[in-house]
Protein backbone atom coordinates (compact mmCIF):
# COMPACT_ATOMS: atom_id res chain seq x y z
CA MET A 1 126.66 83.95 108.77
CA LYS A 2 127.91 85.36 106.41
CA ILE A 3 125.70 88.28 104.63
CA ILE A 4 126.59 88.73 100.68
CA PRO A 5 124.80 91.24 98.51
CA SER A 6 123.40 90.33 95.42
CA LYS A 7 122.39 92.04 92.32
CA ASN A 8 118.81 91.69 93.56
CA PRO A 9 117.63 92.38 97.02
CA GLN A 10 117.39 89.89 99.49
CA LYS A 11 115.34 89.42 102.11
CA ILE A 12 116.67 89.80 105.98
CA THR A 13 116.12 87.17 108.69
CA TYR A 14 115.98 88.10 112.32
CA SER A 15 119.11 86.76 113.36
CA GLN A 16 120.41 88.80 110.38
CA TYR A 17 119.03 92.12 111.76
CA LYS A 18 119.77 91.05 115.03
CA ARG A 19 123.82 90.42 114.41
CA TYR A 20 124.43 93.31 112.05
CA THR A 21 122.58 96.11 113.49
CA PRO A 22 123.43 98.17 116.17
CA GLU A 23 121.36 98.49 119.50
CA LYS A 24 120.86 102.48 118.28
CA LEU A 25 121.83 104.78 115.62
CA GLU A 26 124.28 107.69 117.65
CA LEU A 27 126.01 110.44 115.61
CA LEU A 28 129.29 110.98 117.27
CA ASP A 29 131.69 112.94 115.65
CA GLY A 30 130.72 113.43 112.17
CA ASN A 31 130.35 109.71 112.31
CA LEU A 32 127.32 107.39 112.22
CA LEU A 33 127.48 105.11 114.43
CA TRP A 34 130.70 104.01 117.30
CA ASN A 35 133.63 102.44 114.75
CA GLU A 36 133.62 101.26 110.95
CA GLN A 37 133.21 97.54 112.15
CA GLU A 38 129.37 98.74 113.21
CA ARG A 39 129.32 100.98 109.98
CA MET A 40 129.94 98.75 107.09
CA ASN A 41 127.75 95.74 108.95
CA LEU A 42 124.97 97.96 108.79
CA LEU A 43 126.11 98.81 105.52
CA LEU A 44 126.33 95.77 104.08
CA LEU A 45 122.84 94.48 105.68
CA LEU A 46 121.72 97.38 103.94
CA LEU A 47 122.84 96.61 100.52
CA TYR A 48 121.45 92.92 101.11
CA ASN A 49 118.17 94.12 101.16
CA VAL A 50 118.23 96.65 98.77
CA GLY A 51 120.25 94.99 96.50
CA LEU A 52 123.18 96.13 93.96
CA GLU A 53 121.72 97.41 91.10
CA ALA A 54 119.21 99.57 92.94
CA LEU A 55 122.27 100.96 94.89
CA ILE A 56 124.07 101.55 91.84
CA GLN A 57 120.79 103.22 90.10
CA HIS A 58 120.95 105.59 92.95
CA LEU A 59 124.13 106.73 93.19
CA PRO A 60 125.34 109.84 91.61
CA LYS A 61 126.90 109.73 87.73
CA GLU A 62 130.54 110.91 89.35
CA SER A 63 129.94 108.19 92.30
CA ARG A 64 129.16 105.83 89.40
CA ASN A 65 132.32 106.76 88.00
CA GLU A 66 134.34 106.14 91.31
CA LEU A 67 133.06 102.89 91.44
CA LYS A 68 134.32 101.48 88.33
CA SER A 69 137.13 103.25 88.84
CA LEU A 70 138.09 101.31 92.01
CA LEU A 71 136.79 98.11 90.75
CA GLU A 72 138.87 98.46 87.39
CA SER A 73 141.84 98.53 89.60
CA ILE A 74 141.28 95.40 92.21
CA ASP A 75 140.95 93.62 88.77
CA GLU A 76 144.12 94.33 87.83
């Protein structure tokens, strides 16, 4: 059951919540959660739920510029 964030918000099912959300949030040596996979799962779930458009609207301009540059370098 892969989640794919899109432009618009999408509702989360309970099974998606259980699969992509850790049992508890922890801060370890400046990192949220135990490992990158847990962080990415939670990030994808949140992006799925709020939508990519909301992400872009809330990013600072500097971050939007960096994101644009990263996306352009991938397309090349």
